Every structure is written in C-alpha cells, then in structure tokens.
Amino acid sequence: MKMKCVLIFTALFIAGCSSNNLHEEQMTVGKVQREIRVGMSSAEVVEVMGSPNIVTTDDQRRETWVYDRTSQQVSSGGSGVWILIAHAGSSSRSSNSRTLTVIIKFDEQHKVRDFAYRASTF
C-alpha cells in the first residue's frame, strides 16, 4: 500500500511539474533536421522552436539565436518507473542527462542563413 501511495504521489508530482511550453518538450534533433531550413523567416523559426535562450549580433548586425536545452531523468532499477523524488526501497537508480544546443544564424533580411546543432547524452 505504501509503495502504491508513493507511485501515485510521484505521478501527480510529475504531471504538476510538466512544462506547458510544448516547444521545450518537443525539441529534438529530428525536429531541427525536419523543420529548420535555410531561408526561413525568424517568425517561422519562433513558431517551430519557441523563443531562443540567447540572441547575439555580429559586426554586420546579423542575429544569431541559440537554443540550449538540458534534461535529466532518474530511473528506479527494476520497476521501470521514472521518478523525481526518493522513495524507500532496495531498488537501484540511474540517471540520464541529455543536452541539445541549436545555433541559428540569420542574414540581414532576418532569414535563416545557416544552422547547426549538437546533442549529447551522458
């Protein structure tokens, strides 16, 4: 019974903490490869990716946008249930961290002139 209560509380906690920003939840390498194209407008990029984390300009006043996402997941050993809080028991836990950095460079007309990405899991 105690374990069932912990699992129910964990599920409610995870649901309550989930982001309302679908761009963050859905940002993947596949999405970048599939949807970002040279020549897209900055407005189209915002529709697909959301707001960038960093915006810079070069000496020609062209913008570069950086999207940087990091996530960490903690898993309990044998149960296969993803948890965010500790619970009593003898199961082992493992964690998995993922990062995705996307760099989009715009031209003078605010169209994508180049983009790159880097993903890692550790």
PDB file of N, CA and C in Angstrom:
ATOM      1  N   MET A   1       0.830  -1.196   0.000  1.00  0.00           N
ATOM      2  CA  MET A   1       0.000   0.000   0.000  1.00  0.00           C
ATOM      3  C   MET A   1       0.871   1.254   0.000  1.00  0.00           C
ATOM      4  N   LYS A   2       1.925   1.242   0.832  1.00  0.00           N
ATOM      5  CA  LYS A   2       2.812   2.405   0.913  1.00  0.00           C
ATOM      6  C   LYS A   2       3.465   2.689  -0.439  1.00  0.00           C
ATOM      7  N   MET A   3       3.919   1.633  -1.124  1.00  0.00           N
ATOM      8  CA  MET A   3       4.547   1.806  -2.436  1.00  0.00           C
ATOM      9  C   MET A   3       3.552   2.360  -3.443  1.00  0.00           C
ATOM     10  N   LYS A   4       2.300   1.901  -3.379  1.00  0.00           N
ATOM     11  CA  LYS A   4       1.267   2.392  -4.286  1.00  0.00           C
ATOM     12  C   LYS A   4       1.035   3.885  -4.069  1.00  0.00           C
ATOM     13  N   CYS A   5       1.016   4.326  -2.806  1.00  0.00           N
ATOM     14  CA  CYS A   5       0.846   5.752  -2.492  1.00  0.00           C
ATOM     15  C   CYS A   5       2.014   6.573  -3.020  1.00  0.00           C
ATOM     16  N   VAL A   6       3.230   6.027  -2.882  1.00  0.00           N
ATOM     17  CA  VAL A   6       4.417   6.731  -3.389  1.00  0.00           C
ATOM     18  C   VAL A   6       4.325   6.878  -4.898  1.00  0.00           C
ATOM     19  N   LEU A   7       3.912   5.828  -5.600  1.00  0.00           N
ATOM     20  CA  LEU A   7       3.800   5.884  -7.053  1.00  0.00           C
ATOM     21  C   LEU A   7       2.726   6.866  -7.501  1.00  0.00           C
ATOM     22  N   ILE A   8       1.590   6.880  -6.807  1.00  0.00           N
ATOM     23  CA  ILE A   8       0.521   7.822  -7.151  1.00  0.00           C
ATOM     24  C   ILE A   8       0.994   9.251  -6.924  1.00  0.00           C
ATOM     25  N   PHE A   9       1.634   9.494  -5.784  1.00  0.00           N
ATOM     26  CA  PHE A   9       2.144  10.839  -5.496  1.00  0.00           C
ATOM     27  C   PHE A   9       3.187  11.249  -6.532  1.00  0.00           C
ATOM     28  N   THR A  10       4.054  10.323  -6.899  1.00  0.00           N
ATOM     29  CA  THR A  10       5.080  10.619  -7.901  1.00  0.00           C
ATOM     30  C   THR A  10       4.446  10.982  -9.236  1.00  0.00           C
ATOM     31  N   ALA A  11       3.443  10.235  -9.662  1.00  0.00           N
ATOM     32  CA  ALA A  11       2.768  10.524 -10.929  1.00  0.00           C
ATOM     33  C   ALA A  11       2.113  11.899 -10.900  1.00  0.00           C
ATOM     34  N   LEU A  12       1.463  12.229  -9.791  1.00  0.00           N
ATOM     35  CA  LEU A  12       0.841  13.555  -9.669  1.00  0.00           C
ATOM     36  C   LEU A  12       1.895  14.652  -9.655  1.00  0.00           C
ATOM     37  N   PHE A  13       3.006  14.405  -8.974  1.00  0.00           N
ATOM     38  CA  PHE A  13       4.093  15.385  -8.910  1.00  0.00           C
ATOM     39  C   PHE A  13       4.661  15.643 -10.295  1.00  0.00           C
ATOM     40  N   ILE A  14       4.911  14.570 -11.053  1.00  0.00           N
ATOM     41  CA  ILE A  14       5.440  14.714 -12.412  1.00  0.00           C
ATOM     42  C   ILE A  14       4.455  15.470 -13.287  1.00  0.00           C
ATOM     43  N   ALA A  15       3.188  15.138 -13.211  1.00  0.00           N
ATOM     44  CA  ALA A  15       2.175  15.829 -14.021  1.00  0.00           C
ATOM     45  C   ALA A  15       2.101  17.309 -13.658  1.00  0.00           C
ATOM     46  N   GLY A  16       2.222  17.623 -12.389  1.00  0.00           N
ATOM     47  CA  GLY A  16       2.170  19.017 -11.962  1.00  0.00           C
ATOM     48  C   GLY A  16       3.379  19.810 -12.371  1.00  0.00           C
ATOM     49  N   CYS A  17       4.517  19.134 -12.529  1.00  0.00           N
ATOM     50  CA  CYS A  17       5.753  19.823 -12.892  1.00  0.00           C
ATOM     51  C   CYS A  17       5.981  19.880 -14.387  1.00  0.00           C
ATOM     52  N   SER A  18       5.161  19.223 -15.168  1.00  0.00           N
ATOM     53  CA  SER A  18       5.399  19.216 -16.601  1.00  0.00           C
ATOM     54  C   SER A  18       5.224  20.609 -17.174  1.00  0.00           C
ATOM     55  N   SER A  19       6.024  20.896 -18.178  1.00  0.00           N
ATOM     56  CA  SER A  19       6.050  22.227 -18.779  1.00  0.00           C
ATOM     57  C   SER A  19       4.847  22.442 -19.681  1.00  0.00           C
ATOM     58  N   ASN A  20       4.299  23.641 -19.658  1.00  0.00           N
ATOM     59  CA  ASN A  20       3.230  23.996 -20.580  1.00  0.00           C
ATOM     60  C   ASN A  20       3.777  24.428 -21.922  1.00  0.00           C
ATOM     61  N   ASN A  21       5.093  24.652 -21.998  1.00  0.00           N
ATOM     62  CA  ASN A  21       5.713  25.087 -23.235  1.00  0.00           C
ATOM     63  C   ASN A  21       6.024  23.864 -24.095  1.00  0.00           C
ATOM     64  N   LEU A  22       5.223  23.636 -25.125  1.00  0.00           N
ATOM     65  CA  LEU A  22       5.404  22.465 -25.961  1.00  0.00           C
ATOM     66  C   LEU A  22       6.702  22.515 -26.731  1.00  0.00           C
ATOM     67  N   HIS A  23       7.221  23.706 -27.012  1.00  0.00           N
ATOM     68  CA  HIS A  23       8.475  23.819 -27.742  1.00  0.00           C
ATOM     69  C   HIS A  23       9.604  23.138 -26.972  1.00  0.00           C
ATOM     70  N   GLU A  24       9.659  23.334 -25.655  1.00  0.00           N
ATOM     71  CA  GLU A  24      10.707  22.724 -24.853  1.00  0.00           C
ATOM     72  C   GLU A  24      10.562  21.214 -24.829  1.00  0.00           C
ATOM     73  N   GLU A  25       9.346  20.717 -24.686  1.00  0.00           N
ATOM     74  CA  GLU A  25       9.124  19.282 -24.602  1.00  0.00           C
ATOM     75  C   GLU A  25       9.438  18.600 -25.925  1.00  0.00           C
ATOM     76  N   GLN A  26       9.206  19.250 -27.035  1.00  0.00           N
ATOM     77  CA  GLN A  26       9.306  18.609 -28.327  1.00  0.00           C
ATOM     78  C   GLN A  26      10.610  18.902 -29.064  1.00  0.00           C
ATOM     79  N   MET A  27      11.516  19.660 -28.477  1.00  0.00           N
ATOM     80  CA  MET A  27      12.738  19.999 -29.186  1.00  0.00           C
ATOM     81  C   MET A  27      13.660  18.784 -29.225  1.00  0.00           C
ATOM     82  N   THR A  28      13.862  18.268 -30.429  1.00  0.00           N
ATOM     83  CA  THR A  28      14.725  17.118 -30.640  1.00  0.00           C
ATOM     84  C   THR A  28      15.585  17.368 -31.870  1.00  0.00           C
ATOM     85  N   VAL A  29      16.629  16.561 -32.031  1.00  0.00           N
ATOM     86  CA  VAL A  29      17.467  16.662 -33.229  1.00  0.00           C
ATOM     87  C   VAL A  29      16.613  16.415 -34.470  1.00  0.00           C
ATOM     88  N   GLY A  30      15.734  15.430 -34.397  1.00  0.00           N
ATOM     89  CA  GLY A  30      14.867  15.130 -35.536  1.00  0.00           C
ATOM     90  C   GLY A  30      14.003  16.306 -35.943  1.00  0.00           C
ATOM     91  N   LYS A  31      13.478  17.020 -34.957  1.00  0.00           N
ATOM     92  CA  LYS A  31      12.645  18.183 -35.253  1.00  0.00           C
ATOM     93  C   LYS A  31      13.471  19.271 -35.932  1.00  0.00           C
ATOM     94  N   VAL A  32      14.685  19.499 -35.439  1.00  0.00           N
ATOM     95  CA  VAL A  32      15.558  20.502 -36.059  1.00  0.00           C
ATOM     96  C   VAL A  32      15.863  20.095 -37.499  1.00  0.00           C
ATOM     97  N   GLN A  33      16.243  18.845 -37.716  1.00  0.00           N
ATOM     98  CA  GLN A  33      16.563  18.369 -39.064  1.00  0.00           C
ATOM     99  C   GLN A  33      15.370  18.455 -40.004  1.00  0.00           C
ATOM    100  N   ARG A  34      14.194  18.167 -39.478  1.00  0.00           N
ATOM    101  CA  ARG A  34      12.974  18.115 -40.291  1.00  0.00           C
ATOM    102  C   ARG A  34      12.402  19.496 -40.590  1.00  0.00           C
ATOM    103  N   GLU A  35      12.492  20.432 -39.639  1.00  0.00           N
ATOM    104  CA  GLU A  35      11.718  21.667 -39.755  1.00  0.00           C
ATOM    105  C   GLU A  35      12.519  22.939 -40.016  1.00  0.00           C
ATOM    106  N   ILE A  36      13.779  22.975 -39.630  1.00  0.00           N
ATOM    107  CA  ILE A  36      14.562  24.203 -39.837  1.00  0.00           C
ATOM    108  C   ILE A  36      15.221  24.142 -41.206  1.00  0.00           C
ATOM    109  N   ARG A  37      15.051  25.182 -41.972  1.00  0.00           N
ATOM    110  CA  ARG A  37      15.590  25.260 -43.331  1.00  0.00           C
ATOM    111  C   ARG A  37      16.215  26.627 -43.582  1.00  0.00           C
ATOM    112  N   VAL A  38      17.266  26.642 -44.391  1.00  0.00           N
ATOM    113  CA  VAL A  38      17.851  27.906 -44.838  1.00  0.00           C
ATOM    114  C   VAL A  38      16.775  28.657 -45.603  1.00  0.00           C
ATOM    115  N   GLY A  39      16.645  29.958 -45.322  1.00  0.00           N
ATOM    116  CA  GLY A  39      15.644  30.790 -45.979  1.00  0.00           C
ATOM    117  C   GLY A  39      14.390  31.024 -45.154  1.00  0.00           C
ATOM    118  N   MET A  40      14.211  30.278 -44.057  1.00  0.00           N
ATOM    119  CA  MET A  40      13.041  30.501 -43.182  1.00  0.00           C
ATOM    120  C   MET A  40      13.133  31.883 -42.546  1.00  0.00           C
ATOM    121  N   SER A  41      11.987  32.478 -42.284  1.00  0.00           N
ATOM    122  CA  SER A  41      11.971  33.754 -41.572  1.00  0.00           C
ATOM    123  C   SER A  41      12.145  33.517 -40.076  1.00  0.00           C
ATOM    124  N   SER A  42      12.536  34.549 -39.364  1.00  0.00           N
ATOM    125  CA  SER A  42      12.687  34.426 -37.912  1.00  0.00           C
ATOM    126  C   SER A  42      11.338  34.116 -37.256  1.00  0.00           C
ATOM    127  N   ALA A  43      10.240  34.633 -37.810  1.00  0.00           N
ATOM    128  CA  ALA A  43       8.908  34.335 -37.272  1.00  0.00           C
ATOM    129  C   ALA A  43       8.584  32.849 -37.411  1.00  0.00           C
ATOM    130  N   GLU A  44       8.959  32.245 -38.531  1.00  0.00           N
ATOM    131  CA  GLU A  44       8.725  30.812 -38.731  1.00  0.00           C
ATOM    132  C   GLU A  44       9.558  29.985 -37.747  1.00  0.00           C
ATOM    133  N   VAL A  45      10.782  30.426 -37.485  1.00  0.00           N
ATOM    134  CA  VAL A  45      11.628  29.718 -36.529  1.00  0.00           C
ATOM    135  C   VAL A  45      11.001  29.762 -35.137  1.00  0.00           C
ATOM    136  N   VAL A  46      10.466  30.914 -34.742  1.00  0.00           N
ATOM    137  CA  VAL A  46       9.820  31.030 -33.433  1.00  0.00           C
ATOM    138  C   VAL A  46       8.612  30.104 -33.350  1.00  0.00           C
ATOM    139  N   GLU A  47       7.843  29.977 -34.430  1.00  0.00           N
ATOM    140  CA  GLU A  47       6.697  29.064 -34.436  1.00  0.00           C
ATOM    141  C   GLU A  47       7.126  27.623 -34.175  1.00  0.00           C
ATOM    142  N   VAL A  48       8.252  27.235 -34.747  1.00  0.00           N
ATOM    143  CA  VAL A  48       8.727  25.862 -34.632  1.00  0.00           C
ATOM    144  C   VAL A  48       9.467  25.626 -33.315  1.00  0.00           C
ATOM    145  N   MET A  49      10.342  26.552 -32.949  1.00  0.00           N
ATOM    146  CA  MET A  49      11.278  26.323 -31.840  1.00  0.00           C
ATOM    147  C   MET A  49      10.935  27.079 -30.560  1.00  0.00           C
ATOM    148  N   GLY A  50      10.099  28.099 -30.651  1.00  0.00           N
ATOM    149  CA  GLY A  50       9.865  28.932 -29.479  1.00  0.00           C
ATOM    150  C   GLY A  50      10.932  30.013 -29.376  1.00  0.00           C
ATOM    151  N   SER A  51      11.003  30.651 -28.228  1.00  0.00           N
ATOM    152  CA  SER A  51      11.967  31.730 -28.013  1.00  0.00           C
ATOM    153  C   SER A  51      13.351  31.161 -27.731  1.00  0.00           C
ATOM    154  N   PRO A  52      14.388  31.800 -28.270  1.00  0.00           N
ATOM    155  CA  PRO A  52      15.748  31.322 -28.015  1.00  0.00           C
ATOM    156  C   PRO A  52      16.217  31.695 -26.608  1.00  0.00           C
ATOM    157  N   ASN A  53      17.229  30.970 -26.119  1.00  0.00           N
ATOM    158  CA  ASN A  53      17.832  31.298 -24.830  1.00  0.00           C
ATOM    159  C   ASN A  53      18.762  32.496 -24.930  1.00  0.00           C
ATOM    160  N   ILE A  54      19.479  32.603 -26.052  1.00  0.00           N
ATOM    161  CA  ILE A  54      20.479  33.663 -26.241  1.00  0.00           C
ATOM    162  C   ILE A  54      20.304  34.249 -27.637  1.00  0.00           C
ATOM    163  N   VAL A  55      20.392  35.576 -27.737  1.00  0.00           N
ATOM    164  CA  VAL A  55      20.394  36.260 -29.027  1.00  0.00           C
ATOM    165  C   VAL A  55      21.600  37.186 -29.055  1.00  0.00           C
ATOM    166  N   THR A  56      22.427  37.051 -30.091  1.00  0.00           N
ATOM    167  CA  THR A  56      23.585  37.930 -30.254  1.00  0.00           C
ATOM    168  C   THR A  56      23.571  38.511 -31.664  1.00  0.00           C
ATOM    169  N   THR A  57      24.367  39.553 -31.872  1.00  0.00           N
ATOM    170  CA  THR A  57      24.534  40.120 -33.206  1.00  0.00           C
ATOM    171  C   THR A  57      26.018  40.178 -33.543  1.00  0.00           C
ATOM    172  N   ASP A  58      26.315  40.074 -34.841  1.00  0.00           N
ATOM    173  CA  ASP A  58      27.710  40.180 -35.275  1.00  0.00           C
ATOM    174  C   ASP A  58      28.000  41.620 -35.705  1.00  0.00           C
ATOM    175  N   ASP A  59      29.174  41.840 -36.272  1.00  0.00           N
ATOM    176  CA  ASP A  59      29.568  43.204 -36.656  1.00  0.00           C
ATOM    177  C   ASP A  59      28.738  43.767 -37.813  1.00  0.00           C
ATOM    178  N   GLN A  60      27.997  42.907 -38.503  1.00  0.00           N
ATOM    179  CA  GLN A  60      27.104  43.363 -39.576  1.00  0.00           C
ATOM    180  C   GLN A  60      25.651  43.431 -39.112  1.00  0.00           C
ATOM    181  N   ARG A  61      25.439  43.317 -37.785  1.00  0.00           N
ATOM    182  CA  ARG A  61      24.132  43.401 -37.139  1.00  0.00           C
ATOM    183  C   ARG A  61      23.205  42.242 -37.519  1.00  0.00           C
ATOM    184  N   ARG A  62      23.795  41.109 -37.915  1.00  0.00           N
ATOM    185  CA  ARG A  62      23.011  39.899 -38.186  1.00  0.00           C
ATOM    186  C   ARG A  62      22.871  39.139 -36.872  1.00  0.00           C
ATOM    187  N   GLU A  63      21.683  38.622 -36.632  1.00  0.00           N
ATOM    188  CA  GLU A  63      21.427  37.929 -35.372  1.00  0.00           C
ATOM    189  C   GLU A  63      21.824  36.457 -35.437  1.00  0.00           C
ATOM    190  N   THR A  64      22.234  35.952 -34.283  1.00  0.00           N
ATOM    191  CA  THR A  64      22.445  34.531 -34.064  1.00  0.00           C
ATOM    192  C   THR A  64      21.616  34.146 -32.851  1.00  0.00           C
ATOM    193  N   TRP A  65      20.802  33.107 -33.003  1.00  0.00           N
ATOM    194  CA  TRP A  65      19.961  32.625 -31.907  1.00  0.00           C
ATOM    195  C   TRP A  65      20.513  31.292 -31.423  1.00  0.00           C
ATOM    196  N   VAL A  66      20.530  31.125 -30.109  1.00  0.00           N
ATOM    197  CA  VAL A  66      20.985  29.876 -29.508  1.00  0.00           C
ATOM    198  C   VAL A  66      19.863  29.306 -28.649  1.00  0.00           C
ATOM    199  N   TYR A  67      19.539  28.053 -28.909  1.00  0.00           N
ATOM    200  CA  TYR A  67      18.596  27.290 -28.089  1.00  0.00           C
ATOM    201  C   TYR A  67      19.425  26.262 -27.338  1.00  0.00           C
ATOM    202  N   ASP A  68      19.313  26.256 -26.034  1.00  0.00           N
ATOM    203  CA  ASP A  68      20.099  25.335 -25.211  1.00  0.00           C
ATOM    204  C   ASP A  68      19.162  24.640 -24.237  1.00  0.00           C
ATOM    205  N   ARG A  69      18.975  23.341 -24.419  1.00  0.00           N
ATOM    206  CA  ARG A  69      18.067  22.569 -23.572  1.00  0.00           C
ATOM    207  C   ARG A  69      18.840  21.462 -22.877  1.00  0.00           C
ATOM    208  N   THR A  70      18.556  21.287 -21.600  1.00  0.00           N
ATOM    209  CA  THR A  70      19.149  20.216 -20.802  1.00  0.00           C
ATOM    210  C   THR A  70      18.039  19.535 -20.033  1.00  0.00           C
ATOM    211  N   SER A  71      18.076  18.212 -19.983  1.00  0.00           N
ATOM    212  CA  SER A  71      17.100  17.473 -19.182  1.00  0.00           C
ATOM    213  C   SER A  71      17.818  16.358 -18.450  1.00  0.00           C
ATOM    214  N   GLN A  72      17.261  15.993 -17.312  1.00  0.00           N
ATOM    215  CA  GLN A  72      17.802  14.876 -16.544  1.00  0.00           C
ATOM    216  C   GLN A  72      16.648  13.996 -16.117  1.00  0.00           C
ATOM    217  N   GLN A  73      16.827  12.693 -16.276  1.00  0.00           N
ATOM    218  CA  GLN A  73      15.819  11.719 -15.885  1.00  0.00           C
ATOM    219  C   GLN A  73      16.450  10.753 -14.902  1.00  0.00           C
ATOM    220  N   VAL A  74      15.711  10.427 -13.870  1.00  0.00           N
ATOM    221  CA  VAL A  74      16.167   9.463 -12.872  1.00  0.00           C
ATOM    222  C   VAL A  74      15.238   8.272 -12.935  1.00  0.00           C
ATOM    223  N   SER A  75      15.810   7.079 -13.009  1.00  0.00           N
ATOM    224  CA  SER A  75      15.030   5.856 -13.137  1.00  0.00           C
ATOM    225  C   SER A  75      15.311   4.937 -11.964  1.00  0.00           C
ATOM    226  N   SER A  76      14.257   4.294 -11.470  1.00  0.00           N
ATOM    227  CA  SER A  76      14.459   3.279 -10.437  1.00  0.00           C
ATOM    228  C   SER A  76      14.796   1.966 -11.121  1.00  0.00           C
ATOM    229  N   GLY A  77      15.587   1.162 -10.464  1.00  0.00           N
ATOM    230  CA  GLY A  77      16.140  -0.071 -11.020  1.00  0.00           C
ATOM    231  C   GLY A  77      15.175  -1.009 -11.691  1.00  0.00           C
ATOM    232  N   GLY A  78      14.482  -1.850 -11.000  1.00  0.00           N
ATOM    233  CA  GLY A  78      13.708  -2.905 -11.626  1.00  0.00           C
ATOM    234  C   GLY A  78      12.313  -2.520 -12.037  1.00  0.00           C
ATOM    235  N   SER A  79      11.761  -1.435 -11.546  1.00  0.00           N
ATOM    236  CA  SER A  79      10.343  -1.185 -11.785  1.00  0.00           C
ATOM    237  C   SER A  79      10.056  -0.492 -13.101  1.00  0.00           C
ATOM    238  N   GLY A  80      11.031   0.188 -13.691  1.00  0.00           N
ATOM    239  CA  GLY A  80      10.801   0.899 -14.928  1.00  0.00           C
ATOM    240  C   GLY A  80       9.990   2.164 -14.758  1.00  0.00           C
ATOM    241  N   VAL A  81       9.782   2.632 -13.548  1.00  0.00           N
ATOM    242  CA  VAL A  81       9.008   3.843 -13.287  1.00  0.00           C
ATOM    243  C   VAL A  81       9.970   5.014 -13.144  1.00  0.00           C
ATOM    244  N   TRP A  82       9.742   6.080 -13.894  1.00  0.00           N
ATOM    245  CA  TRP A  82      10.578   7.270 -13.793  1.00  0.00           C
ATOM    246  C   TRP A  82      10.129   8.056 -12.570  1.00  0.00           C
ATOM    247  N   ILE A  83      11.078   8.460 -11.745  1.00  0.00           N
ATOM    248  CA  ILE A  83      10.736   9.168 -10.516  1.00  0.00           C
ATOM    249  C   ILE A  83      11.551  10.441 -10.385  1.00  0.00           C
ATOM    250  N   LEU A  84      11.002  11.388  -9.670  1.00  0.00           N
ATOM    251  CA  LEU A  84      11.699  12.638  -9.392  1.00  0.00           C
ATOM    252  C   LEU A  84      11.956  12.813  -7.905  1.00  0.00           C
ATOM    253  N   ILE A  85      11.423  11.934  -7.091  1.00  0.00           N
ATOM    254  CA  ILE A  85      11.646  12.014  -5.654  1.00  0.00           C
ATOM    255  C   ILE A  85      12.157  10.667  -5.165  1.00  0.00           C
ATOM    256  N   ALA A  86      12.864  10.689  -4.058  1.00  0.00           N
ATOM    257  CA  ALA A  86      13.396   9.448  -3.498  1.00  0.00           C
ATOM    258  C   ALA A  86      12.288   8.680  -2.798  1.00  0.00           C
ATOM    259  N   HIS A  87      12.388   7.356  -2.810  1.00  0.00           N
ATOM    260  CA  HIS A  87      11.440   6.541  -2.070  1.00  0.00           C
ATOM    261  C   HIS A  87      12.210   5.428  -1.359  1.00  0.00           C
ATOM    262  N   ALA A  88      11.600   4.903  -0.316  1.00  0.00           N
ATOM    263  CA  ALA A  88      12.235   3.835   0.453  1.00  0.00           C
ATOM    264  C   ALA A  88      12.189   2.551  -0.350  1.00  0.00           C
ATOM    265  N   GLY A  89      13.262   1.803  -0.305  1.00  0.00           N
ATOM    266  CA  GLY A  89      13.293   0.535  -1.006  1.00  0.00           C
ATOM    267  C   GLY A  89      14.714   0.168  -1.355  1.00  0.00           C
ATOM    268  N   SER A  90      14.868  -1.025  -1.921  1.00  0.00           N
ATOM    269  CA  SER A  90      16.208  -1.511  -2.204  1.00  0.00           C
ATOM    270  C   SER A  90      16.546  -1.450  -3.689  1.00  0.00           C
ATOM    271  N   SER A  91      15.715  -0.830  -4.494  1.00  0.00           N
ATOM    272  CA  SER A  91      16.000  -0.796  -5.925  1.00  0.00           C
ATOM    273  C   SER A  91      17.107   0.201  -6.223  1.00  0.00           C
ATOM    274  N   SER A  92      17.855  -0.069  -7.281  1.00  0.00           N
ATOM    275  CA  SER A  92      18.922   0.839  -7.688  1.00  0.00           C
ATOM    276  C   SER A  92      18.336   1.936  -8.567  1.00  0.00           C
ATOM    277  N   ARG A  93      19.064   3.025  -8.672  1.00  0.00           N
ATOM    278  CA  ARG A  93      18.606   4.150  -9.500  1.00  0.00           C
ATOM    279  C   ARG A  93      19.707   4.517 -10.469  1.00  0.00           C
ATOM    280  N   SER A  94      19.318   5.008 -11.613  1.00  0.00           N
ATOM    281  CA  SER A  94      20.275   5.524 -12.576  1.00  0.00           C
ATOM    282  C   SER A  94      19.756   6.844 -13.107  1.00  0.00           C
ATOM    283  N   SER A  95      20.677   7.667 -13.576  1.00  0.00           N
ATOM    284  CA  SER A  95      20.249   8.942 -14.136  1.00  0.00           C
ATOM    285  C   SER A  95      20.808   9.081 -15.544  1.00  0.00           C
ATOM    286  N   ASN A  96      20.123   9.863 -16.328  1.00  0.00           N
ATOM    287  CA  ASN A  96      20.465  10.081 -17.714  1.00  0.00           C
ATOM    288  C   ASN A  96      20.302  11.567 -17.994  1.00  0.00           C
ATOM    289  N   SER A  97      21.351  12.225 -18.443  1.00  0.00           N
ATOM    290  CA  SER A  97      21.278  13.644 -18.775  1.00  0.00           C
ATOM    291  C   SER A  97      21.403  13.808 -20.277  1.00  0.00           C
ATOM    292  N   ARG A  98      20.612  14.710 -20.816  1.00  0.00           N
ATOM    293  CA  ARG A  98      20.643  14.999 -22.245  1.00  0.00           C
ATOM    294  C   ARG A  98      20.791  16.495 -22.456  1.00  0.00           C
ATOM    295  N   THR A  99      21.553  16.864 -23.461  1.00  0.00           N
ATOM    296  CA  THR A  99      21.654  18.266 -23.833  1.00  0.00           C
ATOM    297  C   THR A  99      21.421  18.389 -25.340  1.00  0.00           C
ATOM    298  N   LEU A 100      20.831  19.496 -25.730  1.00  0.00           N
ATOM    299  CA  LEU A 100      20.650  19.822 -27.144  1.00  0.00           C
ATOM    300  C   LEU A 100      20.899  21.311 -27.293  1.00  0.00           C
ATOM    301  N   THR A 101      21.869  21.659 -28.111  1.00  0.00           N
ATOM    302  CA  THR A 101      22.180  23.054 -28.413  1.00  0.00           C
ATOM    303  C   THR A 101      21.964  23.267 -29.905  1.00  0.00           C
ATOM    304  N   VAL A 102      21.163  24.274 -30.250  1.00  0.00           N
ATOM    305  CA  VAL A 102      20.878  24.615 -31.639  1.00  0.00           C
ATOM    306  C   VAL A 102      21.306  26.061 -31.850  1.00  0.00           C
ATOM    307  N   ILE A 103      22.096  26.305 -32.896  1.00  0.00           N
ATOM    308  CA  ILE A 103      22.569  27.650 -33.230  1.00  0.00           C
ATOM    309  C   ILE A 103      22.032  28.001 -34.608  1.00  0.00           C
ATOM    310  N   ILE A 104      21.281  29.098 -34.674  1.00  0.00           N
ATOM    311  CA  ILE A 104      20.678  29.528 -35.936  1.00  0.00           C
ATOM    312  C   ILE A 104      21.183  30.923 -36.266  1.00  0.00           C
ATOM    313  N   LYS A 105      21.775  31.066 -37.450  1.00  0.00           N
ATOM    314  CA  LYS A 105      22.315  32.350 -37.897  1.00  0.00           C
ATOM    315  C   LYS A 105      21.395  32.938 -38.964  1.00  0.00           C
ATOM    316  N   PHE A 106      21.095  34.225 -38.816  1.00  0.00           N
ATOM    317  CA  PHE A 106      20.201  34.920 -39.735  1.00  0.00           C
ATOM    318  C   PHE A 106      20.972  35.902 -40.602  1.00  0.00           C
ATOM    319  N   ASP A 107      20.415  36.201 -41.780  1.00  0.00           N
ATOM    320  CA  ASP A 107      21.009  37.214 -42.650  1.00  0.00           C
ATOM    321  C   ASP A 107      20.387  38.582 -42.357  1.00  0.00           C
ATOM    322  N   GLU A 108      20.705  39.557 -43.194  1.00  0.00           N
ATOM    323  CA  GLU A 108      20.226  40.930 -42.989  1.00  0.00           C
ATOM    324  C   GLU A 108      18.709  41.053 -43.122  1.00  0.00           C
ATOM    325  N   GLN A 109      18.067  40.140 -43.839  1.00  0.00           N
ATOM    326  CA  GLN A 109      16.613  40.154 -44.014  1.00  0.00           C
ATOM    327  C   GLN A 109      15.906  39.279 -42.971  1.00  0.00           C
ATOM    328  N   HIS A 110      16.619  38.861 -41.946  1.00  0.00           N
ATOM    329  CA  HIS A 110      16.078  38.022 -40.869  1.00  0.00           C
ATOM    330  C   HIS A 110      15.597  36.666 -41.381  1.00  0.00           C
ATOM    331  N   LYS A 111      16.327  36.126 -42.352  1.00  0.00           N
ATOM    332  CA  LYS A 111      16.091  34.780 -42.877  1.00  0.00           C
ATOM    333  C   LYS A 111      17.252  33.883 -42.429  1.00  0.00           C
ATOM    334  N   VAL A 112      16.957  32.613 -42.182  1.00  0.00           N
ATOM    335  CA  VAL A 112      17.996  31.677 -41.761  1.00  0.00           C
ATOM    336  C   VAL A 112      19.033  31.551 -42.872  1.00  0.00           C
ATOM    337  N   ARG A 113      20.310  31.816 -42.521  1.00  0.00           N
ATOM    338  CA  ARG A 113      21.395  31.631 -43.491  1.00  0.00           C
ATOM    339  C   ARG A 113      22.212  30.389 -43.189  1.00  0.00           C
ATOM    340  N   ASP A 114      22.164  29.918 -41.926  1.00  0.00           N
ATOM    341  CA  ASP A 114      22.896  28.718 -41.540  1.00  0.00           C
ATOM    342  C   ASP A 114      22.383  28.250 -40.180  1.00  0.00           C
ATOM    343  N   PHE A 115      22.516  26.963 -39.907  1.00  0.00           N
ATOM    344  CA  PHE A 115      22.168  26.450 -38.580  1.00  0.00           C
ATOM    345  C   PHE A 115      23.006  25.217 -38.292  1.00  0.00           C
ATOM    346  N   ALA A 116      23.199  24.961 -37.013  1.00  0.00           N
ATOM    347  CA  ALA A 116      23.961  23.794 -36.559  1.00  0.00           C
ATOM    348  C   ALA A 116      23.364  23.330 -35.242  1.00  0.00           C
ATOM    349  N   TYR A 117      23.667  22.091 -34.867  1.00  0.00           N
ATOM    350  CA  TYR A 117      23.150  21.562 -33.593  1.00  0.00           C
ATOM    351  C   TYR A 117      24.150  20.552 -33.041  1.00  0.00           C
ATOM    352  N   ARG A 118      24.054  20.363 -31.747  1.00  0.00           N
ATOM    353  CA  ARG A 118      24.867  19.378 -31.044  1.00  0.00           C
ATOM    354  C   ARG A 118      24.016  18.744 -29.962  1.00  0.00           C
ATOM    355  N   ALA A 119      23.980  17.428 -29.948  1.00  0.00           N
ATOM    356  CA  ALA A 119      23.241  16.693 -28.936  1.00  0.00           C
ATOM    357  C   ALA A 119      24.187  15.744 -28.218  1.00  0.00           C
ATOM    358  N   SER A 120      23.957  15.574 -26.926  1.00  0.00           N
ATOM    359  CA  SER A 120      24.750  14.618 -26.156  1.00  0.00           C
ATOM    360  C   SER A 120      23.889  13.971 -25.093  1.00  0.00           C
ATOM    361  N   THR A 121      24.251  12.756 -24.743  1.00  0.00           N
ATOM    362  CA  THR A 121      23.594  12.020 -23.671  1.00  0.00           C
ATOM    363  C   THR A 121      24.693  11.427 -22.807  1.00  0.00           C
ATOM    364  N   PHE A 122      24.553  11.623 -21.513  1.00  0.00           N
ATOM    365  CA  PHE A 122      25.551  11.054 -20.583  1.00  0.00           C
ATOM    366  C   PHE A 122      24.920  10.722 -19.268  1.00  0.00           C
TER     367      PHE A 122
END
